[in-house]
Amino acid sequence: MPTPVPSSSSGPSGRSAEQVEAKKAQELREVINSFESVNDESRRASLLDSLCSTNDILNLPVQDDPPPPSIENGELTTNLMRHQLQALKWMLEKENPVLPTAPDQPPVQVPICSQVLMI
């Protein structure tokens, strides 16, 4: 059986594999260094402002029927803040959906719970 001849590590252009890899790495570094660093903070803030403005948040409805827990009705030792009343209204609407009564009303997703076992 003939003895295999070790292949030359130099490529067709006469460079070794290490030299080719080093050249590729240097080219990649040059490309990466040529990228411009951009501060997107102002664009990000304006995008978020346009998606959800402060006025939209302030105008969200608050829980008023039934009256929310508070100092006046003796259920809490402090009154809820406005954003908490808004969150309470949202949560109660999700937990107690009102089914549509006409075909032109939007559909409502109703969670279906299976039997809960108490062990």
Foldseek 3Di string as FASTA:
>chain_A
DDDDDDDDQADPVRHGPVVVVVVVVVVVVVVVVPDDDDDCVVVVVVVVCVVQNPVNLVPQDFDVVVHDDAVVVPPDPHGDDRNVRSVVVVVVCLQDPDQDPDPVDDGDDHDDDDDDDDD
